[in-house]
Amino acid sequence: MKLKDKMAEERVSVNWLSERLGLSRSTLIKYLNCPDEFRVKHVKIIAKYLHITQRDAIVNYFIKNQNHE
């Protein structure tokens, strides 16, 4: 599942989330297309609004290489 899918599942819109993160809509869309570029402070906020732990957010949505050993 991609970050955008999780946002849809939780009914979190790009506009709403961009306001909470203090980012422009276009910057958030850029980050959503390349989630590993998010700053840690944004990951923490996103995890809160998506009702997931910060660890789950990082492992499942913000790391490109998912080869966890």
Protein backbone atom coordinates (compact mmCIF):
# COMPACT_ATOMS: atom_id res chain seq x y z
CA MET A 1 0.00 0.00 0.00
CA LYS A 2 1.30 3.44 -0.89
CA LEU A 3 1.09 6.52 1.28
CA LYS A 4 -1.59 8.00 -0.99
CA ASP A 5 -3.67 4.84 -0.52
CA LYS A 6 -3.39 5.07 3.26
CA MET A 7 -4.41 8.73 3.10
CA ALA A 8 -7.51 7.79 1.09
CA GLU A 9 -8.33 5.00 3.54
CA GLU A 10 -8.17 7.47 6.45
CA ARG A 11 -9.98 10.15 4.40
CA VAL A 12 -7.06 12.57 4.65
CA SER A 13 -6.93 14.94 1.68
CA VAL A 14 -3.81 16.49 0.19
CA ASN A 15 -5.15 19.99 0.92
CA TRP A 16 -5.99 19.20 4.53
CA LEU A 17 -2.65 17.49 5.20
CA SER A 18 -0.60 20.18 3.47
CA GLU A 19 -2.16 22.79 5.79
CA ARG A 20 -1.29 20.70 8.88
CA LEU A 21 2.28 20.19 7.68
CA GLY A 22 2.82 23.83 6.73
CA LEU A 23 3.63 22.83 3.16
CA SER A 24 2.19 24.03 -0.09
CA ARG A 25 -0.07 21.58 -1.89
CA SER A 26 2.45 21.25 -4.73
CA THR A 27 5.31 20.49 -2.33
CA LEU A 28 3.28 17.82 -0.58
CA ILE A 29 2.41 16.23 -3.92
CA LYS A 30 6.12 16.23 -4.82
CA TYR A 31 6.92 14.49 -1.53
CA LEU A 32 4.09 11.98 -2.01
CA ASN A 33 5.63 11.00 -5.34
CA CYS A 34 8.99 10.48 -3.61
CA PRO A 35 8.21 9.75 0.08
CA ASP A 36 11.82 9.14 1.12
CA GLU A 37 12.39 12.93 0.78
CA PHE A 38 10.01 13.83 3.65
CA ARG A 39 11.60 15.39 6.72
CA VAL A 40 11.35 13.49 10.00
CA LYS A 41 9.12 16.18 11.53
CA HIS A 42 6.64 15.65 8.68
CA VAL A 43 6.72 11.87 9.08
CA LYS A 44 5.79 12.25 12.75
CA ILE A 45 2.79 14.45 11.94
CA ILE A 46 1.63 12.24 9.07
CA ALA A 47 1.81 9.14 11.28
CA LYS A 48 -0.39 10.87 13.84
CA TYR A 49 -3.07 11.79 11.29
CA LEU A 50 -3.00 8.35 9.62
CA HIS A 51 -3.36 6.62 13.00
CA ILE A 52 -0.19 4.57 12.68
CA THR A 53 3.02 4.43 14.69
CA GLN A 54 6.02 6.40 13.52
CA ARG A 55 7.93 3.15 13.02
CA ASP A 56 5.15 1.67 10.87
CA ALA A 57 5.01 4.87 8.85
CA ILE A 58 8.74 4.84 8.18
CA VAL A 59 8.96 1.13 7.39
CA ASN A 60 5.83 0.93 5.26
CA TYR A 61 5.63 4.29 3.50
CA PHE A 62 8.86 6.28 3.67
CA ILE A 63 11.66 3.84 2.81
CA LYS A 64 12.23 2.91 -0.82
CA ASN A 65 14.23 -0.28 -0.25
CA GLN A 66 12.04 -2.56 1.82
CA ASN A 67 14.64 -5.30 2.34
CA HIS A 68 14.50 -5.33 6.13
CA GLU A 69 16.82 -7.85 7.72
